Amino acid sequence: MSVLILSQMEVERLLPMAECIALMREALRRLAAGELTQPLRMVISPPGAKGLLGLMPAHQAGERAAYGVKVIGVFPDNPARGLDAHQGSVLLLSGETGELLALMNASAVTAIRTAAVSGVATELLAREDAGDLAIIGSGVQAHTHLEAMACARPIRRARVASRHLEHARRFVESVTPRYAFPVEAVDSVEAAVRGADLIVTATSSREPVIKREWIAPGAHLNVVGASIAAAREVDSATMAAASLFVDRRESTLNESGDYLIALRQGAIGTDHIRAELGELLLAGKAGRTSAAEITLFKSLGLAVEDLASAEYLYQKAKAQQAGTWVEY
């Protein structure tokens, strides 16, 4: 049989951000409705290793039954080498026979679908008039999140802070031609965050980069970077002050340092999670309740998001005869 192979550039062309946001809305709704199956990811992090390896499987039933698994390496030193910190492949398999259908660049899938989920969260939780954006980080996720935020809300201006100011300046130079609103590099996280009503943290930091006193009433935060129990991007005071929404409870309780450290410090209780995004989409839970409320979406990334992306890409590539098809 023929197997589809999609490169980074092909994934980026076939999966525009606006389409992916709609795709992620449906995937999260189906997960909350119990229509998709997903175990916790398995992480291998050997002592002394440069990076870690994650295995993320999922299944969808129905007319287009399929299995998906992402094999993803996370190597924090990669950006210094000019590489994405996330490296690997997304595999799509037939739900009828188990045959391999496609092999796709995981860096591109991860970058787009992660930002698209933040786009969903922003559509659901941010104030309608939100448009003053702060992005903390200047890597791959910063680029895709700028695009996702521009899809979700009419951005008035964006400020970008990075560990190194020169990185933020290079980021601004690369994105400015694409957007009508001003994008500015600033020399501190505080300078980016103060006054912002949309905040994205997309860093590799293991310690908080956000402090509660910097956050304006009514702000919405998409907290994206820390995806293990030992790392966090926001301090416990921020977690305590914010209404917390997640992609999946089970993942948050096992993998989110932002949640677990604040819980361990006594800043929040076990009932602090307001809802999953999918529950909001099913209209069973309330989202933002006031203009002054601080809302926070903690993103961990789910295998069902990769599966939904892969299945969509496979069908679109078939229709367009895109990608490379090889006998396997």
Protein backbone atom coordinates (compact mmCIF):
# COMPACT_ATOMS: atom_id res chain seq x y z
CA MET A 1 0.00 0.00 0.00
CA SER A 2 1.01 3.66 -0.38
CA VAL A 3 2.05 5.68 2.65
CA LEU A 4 1.87 9.47 2.71
CA ILE A 5 4.90 11.44 3.89
CA LEU A 6 4.45 15.12 4.71
CA SER A 7 7.38 17.46 5.30
CA GLN A 8 7.34 20.52 7.54
CA MET A 9 6.60 22.84 4.62
CA GLU A 10 3.81 20.61 3.36
CA VAL A 11 2.16 20.44 6.78
CA GLU A 12 2.34 24.22 7.08
CA ARG A 13 0.75 24.69 3.66
CA LEU A 14 -2.05 22.17 4.19
CA LEU A 15 -2.95 23.21 7.75
CA PRO A 16 -3.68 26.97 7.86
CA MET A 17 -4.21 28.37 11.35
CA ALA A 18 -7.86 29.33 10.92
CA GLU A 19 -8.70 25.84 9.66
CA CYS A 20 -6.77 24.25 12.52
CA ILE A 21 -8.60 26.34 15.14
CA ALA A 22 -11.91 24.99 13.84
CA LEU A 23 -10.44 21.49 13.76
CA MET A 24 -9.26 21.75 17.39
CA ARG A 25 -12.66 22.99 18.55
CA GLU A 26 -14.22 19.82 17.19
CA ALA A 27 -11.48 17.53 18.58
CA LEU A 28 -11.80 19.01 22.08
CA ARG A 29 -15.59 18.79 21.94
CA ARG A 30 -15.41 15.13 20.90
CA LEU A 31 -12.91 14.36 23.66
CA ALA A 32 -15.20 15.88 26.29
CA ALA A 33 -18.13 13.94 24.82
CA GLY A 34 -16.23 10.66 25.23
CA GLU A 35 -15.95 10.03 21.51
CA LEU A 36 -12.14 9.81 21.46
CA THR A 37 -9.76 7.61 23.45
CA GLN A 38 -6.51 8.91 24.86
CA PRO A 39 -4.24 7.52 27.59
CA LEU A 40 -1.67 9.67 29.36
CA ARG A 41 1.48 10.16 27.34
CA MET A 42 4.54 8.10 28.20
CA VAL A 43 7.73 10.08 28.79
CA ILE A 44 11.25 8.64 28.79
CA SER A 45 13.78 10.97 30.42
CA PRO A 46 17.01 9.05 31.16
CA PRO A 47 19.44 10.56 33.70
CA GLY A 48 21.96 12.78 31.95
CA ALA A 49 20.19 12.68 28.59
CA LYS A 50 20.12 15.86 26.49
CA GLY A 51 16.37 15.57 25.94
CA LEU A 52 13.33 13.43 26.56
CA LEU A 53 11.13 11.23 24.38
CA GLY A 54 7.34 11.32 24.55
CA LEU A 55 4.91 8.79 23.11
CA MET A 56 1.39 10.14 22.61
CA PRO A 57 -1.26 7.70 21.28
CA ALA A 58 -4.96 8.27 20.57
CA HIS A 59 -7.88 6.60 18.80
CA GLN A 60 -11.02 7.77 17.05
CA ALA A 61 -13.94 5.50 16.21
CA GLY A 62 -16.60 5.93 13.56
CA GLU A 63 -16.64 6.01 9.80
CA ARG A 64 -12.98 7.06 9.60
CA ALA A 65 -11.66 5.01 12.50
CA ALA A 66 -7.96 5.63 13.05
CA TYR A 67 -5.11 5.39 15.48
CA GLY A 68 -2.56 8.13 15.83
CA VAL A 69 0.69 8.27 17.73
CA LYS A 70 3.18 11.07 18.01
CA VAL A 71 6.77 10.15 18.77
CA ILE A 72 8.26 13.42 19.94
CA GLY A 73 11.67 14.35 21.24
CA VAL A 74 11.95 17.52 23.34
CA PHE A 75 15.46 18.96 23.36
CA PRO A 76 15.63 22.34 25.16
CA ASP A 77 19.07 23.23 23.74
CA ASN A 78 17.89 22.94 20.13
CA PRO A 79 16.91 26.61 19.62
CA ALA A 80 20.55 27.58 20.23
CA ARG A 81 21.38 25.28 17.30
CA GLY A 82 18.72 26.86 15.12
CA LEU A 83 16.41 23.88 15.54
CA ASP A 84 12.90 23.48 16.94
CA ALA A 85 12.97 22.05 20.47
CA HIS A 86 10.35 19.51 19.33
CA GLN A 87 11.50 16.81 16.89
CA GLY A 88 9.73 13.67 15.73
CA SER A 89 6.89 12.23 13.69
CA VAL A 90 3.14 11.83 13.81
CA LEU A 91 2.00 8.42 12.56
CA LEU A 92 -1.54 7.77 11.29
CA LEU A 93 -2.77 4.17 11.16
CA SER A 94 -5.96 2.62 9.84
CA GLY A 95 -8.49 1.80 12.53
CA GLU A 96 -9.70 -1.13 10.42
CA THR A 97 -6.43 -2.93 9.64
CA GLY A 98 -3.69 -1.13 11.60
CA GLU A 99 -1.85 -0.37 8.36
CA LEU A 100 0.37 2.71 8.36
CA LEU A 101 -1.31 5.48 6.37
CA ALA A 102 0.92 8.49 6.90
CA LEU A 103 4.09 9.83 8.47
CA MET A 104 4.16 13.57 9.16
CA ASN A 105 6.62 16.13 10.50
CA ALA A 106 5.79 16.43 14.20
CA SER A 107 7.45 19.82 14.70
CA ALA A 108 5.05 21.47 12.25
CA VAL A 109 1.98 19.63 13.53
CA THR A 110 2.85 20.47 17.14
CA ALA A 111 3.55 24.14 16.43
CA ILE A 112 0.30 24.71 14.57
CA ARG A 113 -2.13 22.64 16.64
CA THR A 114 -0.76 23.92 19.97
CA ALA A 115 -1.31 27.53 18.94
CA ALA A 116 -4.69 26.64 17.45
CA VAL A 117 -5.85 25.24 20.80
CA SER A 118 -4.75 28.49 22.46
CA GLY A 119 -6.81 30.20 19.77
CA VAL A 120 -9.84 28.16 20.84
CA ALA A 121 -9.20 29.07 24.49
CA THR A 122 -8.89 32.74 23.57
CA GLU A 123 -12.15 32.70 21.61
CA LEU A 124 -13.90 31.08 24.58
CA LEU A 125 -12.34 32.98 27.47
CA ALA A 126 -10.82 36.32 26.50
CA ARG A 127 -12.86 39.51 26.65
CA GLU A 128 -14.43 40.43 23.32
CA ASP A 129 -12.46 43.70 23.30
CA ALA A 130 -9.11 42.09 24.16
CA GLY A 131 -6.38 43.12 21.73
CA ASP A 132 -3.29 44.21 23.66
CA LEU A 133 -1.07 41.15 23.33
CA ALA A 134 2.05 40.11 25.23
CA ILE A 135 4.11 37.14 24.03
CA ILE A 136 6.81 35.78 26.28
CA GLY A 137 9.28 33.79 24.21
CA SER A 138 10.54 34.21 20.66
CA GLY A 139 10.75 30.65 19.34
CA VAL A 140 8.55 28.50 17.13
CA GLN A 141 5.52 28.66 19.41
CA ALA A 142 5.77 32.45 19.64
CA HIS A 143 5.43 32.64 15.84
CA THR A 144 2.39 30.35 15.62
CA HIS A 145 0.76 31.91 18.68
CA LEU A 146 1.00 35.38 17.19
CA GLU A 147 -0.90 34.04 14.18
CA ALA A 148 -3.46 32.23 16.35
CA MET A 149 -4.10 35.28 18.54
CA ALA A 150 -4.62 37.39 15.42
CA CYS A 151 -7.23 34.85 14.28
CA ALA A 152 -8.99 34.82 17.66
CA ARG A 153 -9.15 38.54 18.42
CA PRO A 154 -8.56 41.85 16.58
CA ILE A 155 -5.07 42.63 17.89
CA ARG A 156 -4.24 46.31 18.41
CA ARG A 157 -0.58 45.82 19.29
CA ALA A 158 1.81 43.09 20.42
CA ARG A 159 4.84 43.26 22.70
CA VAL A 160 7.41 40.47 22.73
CA ALA A 161 9.91 39.67 25.47
CA SER A 162 12.57 36.99 25.35
CA ARG A 163 15.47 35.87 27.50
CA HIS A 164 17.73 37.77 25.12
CA LEU A 165 16.49 41.10 23.75
CA GLU A 166 18.22 40.46 20.43
CA HIS A 167 16.10 37.32 19.95
CA ALA A 168 12.94 39.37 20.49
CA ARG A 169 14.16 41.97 17.98
CA ARG A 170 14.85 39.29 15.37
CA PHE A 171 11.38 37.89 15.99
CA VAL A 172 9.83 41.32 15.41
CA GLU A 173 11.81 41.81 12.19
CA SER A 174 10.60 38.47 10.84
CA VAL A 175 6.89 38.94 11.62
CA THR A 176 6.32 42.66 11.09
CA PRO A 177 5.68 42.40 7.31
CA ARG A 178 2.86 39.90 7.92
CA TYR A 179 0.68 41.92 10.29
CA ALA A 180 -1.10 45.27 10.12
CA PHE A 181 -0.74 45.93 13.87
CA PRO A 182 2.55 47.02 15.49
CA VAL A 183 4.81 44.36 17.04
CA GLU A 184 7.43 45.65 19.46
CA ALA A 185 10.38 44.00 21.21
CA VAL A 186 10.68 45.01 24.88
CA ASP A 187 13.50 44.42 27.33
CA SER A 188 11.61 42.65 30.13
CA VAL A 189 8.68 40.33 30.73
CA GLU A 190 7.14 42.92 33.02
CA ALA A 191 7.24 45.54 30.25
CA ALA A 192 5.44 43.16 27.92
CA VAL A 193 2.79 42.01 30.39
CA ARG A 194 1.76 45.22 32.15
CA GLY A 195 -1.43 46.52 30.58
CA ALA A 196 -1.87 43.49 28.30
CA ASP A 197 -5.26 41.79 28.14
CA LEU A 198 -3.94 38.79 26.17
CA ILE A 199 -0.81 37.03 27.44
CA VAL A 200 1.00 34.04 25.94
CA THR A 201 3.88 32.31 27.70
CA ALA A 202 5.81 30.05 25.33
CA THR A 203 9.18 29.54 27.01
CA SER A 204 11.46 26.71 28.06
CA SER A 205 11.78 28.13 31.57
CA ARG A 206 11.48 25.83 34.56
CA GLU A 207 10.80 28.76 36.93
CA PRO A 208 8.00 31.35 36.79
CA VAL A 209 8.42 34.13 34.24
CA ILE A 210 5.08 35.77 35.17
CA LYS A 211 4.25 37.50 38.46
CA ARG A 212 0.73 38.19 39.66
CA GLU A 213 1.29 41.91 40.27
CA TRP A 214 2.00 42.49 36.57
CA ILE A 215 -1.36 41.14 35.36
CA ALA A 216 -4.22 43.54 34.67
CA PRO A 217 -7.82 42.80 35.70
CA GLY A 218 -9.68 41.00 32.94
CA ALA A 219 -6.58 39.57 31.26
CA HIS A 220 -6.57 36.14 29.64
CA LEU A 221 -3.42 33.98 29.77
CA ASN A 222 -2.44 31.08 27.53
CA VAL A 223 0.27 29.24 29.47
CA VAL A 224 1.97 26.95 26.97
CA GLY A 225 5.63 26.29 27.66
CA ALA A 226 5.92 24.12 30.79
CA SER A 227 4.65 20.60 30.09
CA ILE A 228 6.20 18.55 32.90
CA ALA A 229 5.46 18.38 36.62
CA ALA A 230 8.79 19.95 37.61
CA ALA A 231 8.49 23.13 35.51
CA ARG A 232 6.18 26.14 35.52
CA GLU A 233 5.86 29.54 33.86
CA VAL A 234 3.50 31.39 36.26
CA ASP A 235 3.85 31.90 40.01
CA SER A 236 1.47 30.42 42.56
CA ALA A 237 -0.17 33.79 43.20
CA THR A 238 -1.16 34.00 39.54
CA MET A 239 -2.60 30.50 39.60
CA ALA A 240 -4.57 31.35 42.73
CA ALA A 241 -5.95 34.59 41.28
CA ALA A 242 -6.98 33.13 37.93
CA SER A 243 -9.93 31.01 36.87
CA LEU A 244 -8.20 27.90 35.55
CA PHE A 245 -9.21 26.09 32.36
CA VAL A 246 -7.35 23.11 30.91
CA ASP A 247 -7.23 20.89 27.85
CA ARG A 248 -7.70 17.77 29.99
CA ARG A 249 -8.02 17.27 33.74
CA GLU A 250 -6.15 13.96 33.86
CA SER A 251 -3.16 15.46 32.08
CA THR A 252 -3.15 18.53 34.35
CA LEU A 253 -3.27 16.46 37.54
CA ASN A 254 -0.32 14.36 36.39
CA GLU A 255 1.83 16.64 34.23
CA SER A 256 1.33 20.34 34.91
CA GLY A 257 3.95 21.95 37.13
CA ASP A 258 2.03 25.23 37.03
CA TYR A 259 -0.89 23.47 38.74
CA LEU A 260 0.96 20.90 40.86
CA ILE A 261 3.49 23.28 42.42
CA ALA A 262 0.81 25.82 43.32
CA LEU A 263 -1.25 22.99 44.81
CA ARG A 264 1.71 21.69 46.80
CA GLN A 265 2.38 25.19 48.14
CA GLY A 266 -1.22 25.48 49.32
CA ALA A 267 -2.04 28.39 47.00
CA ILE A 268 -4.89 26.50 45.32
CA GLY A 269 -7.12 23.55 46.19
CA THR A 270 -7.93 20.37 44.32
CA ASP A 271 -11.12 21.99 43.02
CA HIS A 272 -9.31 24.86 41.30
CA ILE A 273 -9.83 23.62 37.73
CA ARG A 274 -12.98 25.32 36.44
CA ALA A 275 -13.44 23.25 33.29
CA GLU A 276 -11.88 21.61 30.26
CA LEU A 277 -12.19 23.56 27.01
CA GLY A 278 -14.25 20.72 25.58
CA GLU A 279 -16.75 21.08 28.41
CA LEU A 280 -17.21 24.73 27.50
CA LEU A 281 -17.79 23.71 23.90
CA LEU A 282 -20.46 21.27 25.02
CA ALA A 283 -22.13 24.23 26.80
CA GLY A 284 -22.19 22.40 30.10
CA LYS A 285 -19.78 24.70 31.92
CA ALA A 286 -19.44 28.45 32.33
CA GLY A 287 -16.41 30.31 30.98
CA ARG A 288 -15.60 33.94 31.79
CA THR A 289 -18.10 35.37 34.27
CA SER A 290 -17.05 39.05 34.42
CA ALA A 291 -14.99 41.64 32.59
CA ALA A 292 -12.53 41.86 35.49
CA GLU A 293 -12.00 38.11 35.89
CA ILE A 294 -8.51 36.79 35.10
CA THR A 295 -8.76 33.62 33.03
CA LEU A 296 -5.90 31.18 32.46
CA PHE A 297 -5.70 28.31 30.01
CA LYS A 298 -3.03 25.77 30.88
CA SER A 299 -2.01 23.97 27.71
CA LEU A 300 -0.26 20.60 27.88
CA GLY A 301 -0.95 19.31 24.37
CA LEU A 302 -3.01 16.21 23.68
CA ALA A 303 -2.61 13.23 21.39
CA VAL A 304 -6.18 13.70 20.13
CA GLU A 305 -5.06 17.07 18.75
CA ASP A 306 -2.28 15.36 16.81
CA LEU A 307 -4.66 12.64 15.60
CA ALA A 308 -7.25 15.17 14.43
CA SER A 309 -4.54 17.13 12.62
CA ALA A 310 -3.06 14.01 11.01
CA GLU A 311 -6.41 12.66 9.82
CA TYR A 312 -7.35 16.06 8.37
CA LEU A 313 -3.98 16.39 6.65
CA TYR A 314 -4.24 12.87 5.23
CA GLN A 315 -7.66 13.51 3.70
CA LYS A 316 -6.63 16.91 2.32
CA ALA A 317 -3.38 15.55 0.86
CA LYS A 318 -5.31 12.73 -0.82
CA ALA A 319 -7.77 15.19 -2.35
CA GLN A 320 -4.98 17.45 -3.62
CA GLN A 321 -2.48 14.67 -4.41
CA ALA A 322 -0.04 16.51 -2.20
CA GLY A 323 2.96 15.17 -0.32
CA THR A 324 5.06 12.16 -1.20
CA TRP A 325 3.42 8.76 -1.56
CA VAL A 326 5.67 5.70 -1.24
CA GLU A 327 5.07 1.98 -1.33
CA TYR A 328 5.49 0.46 2.12
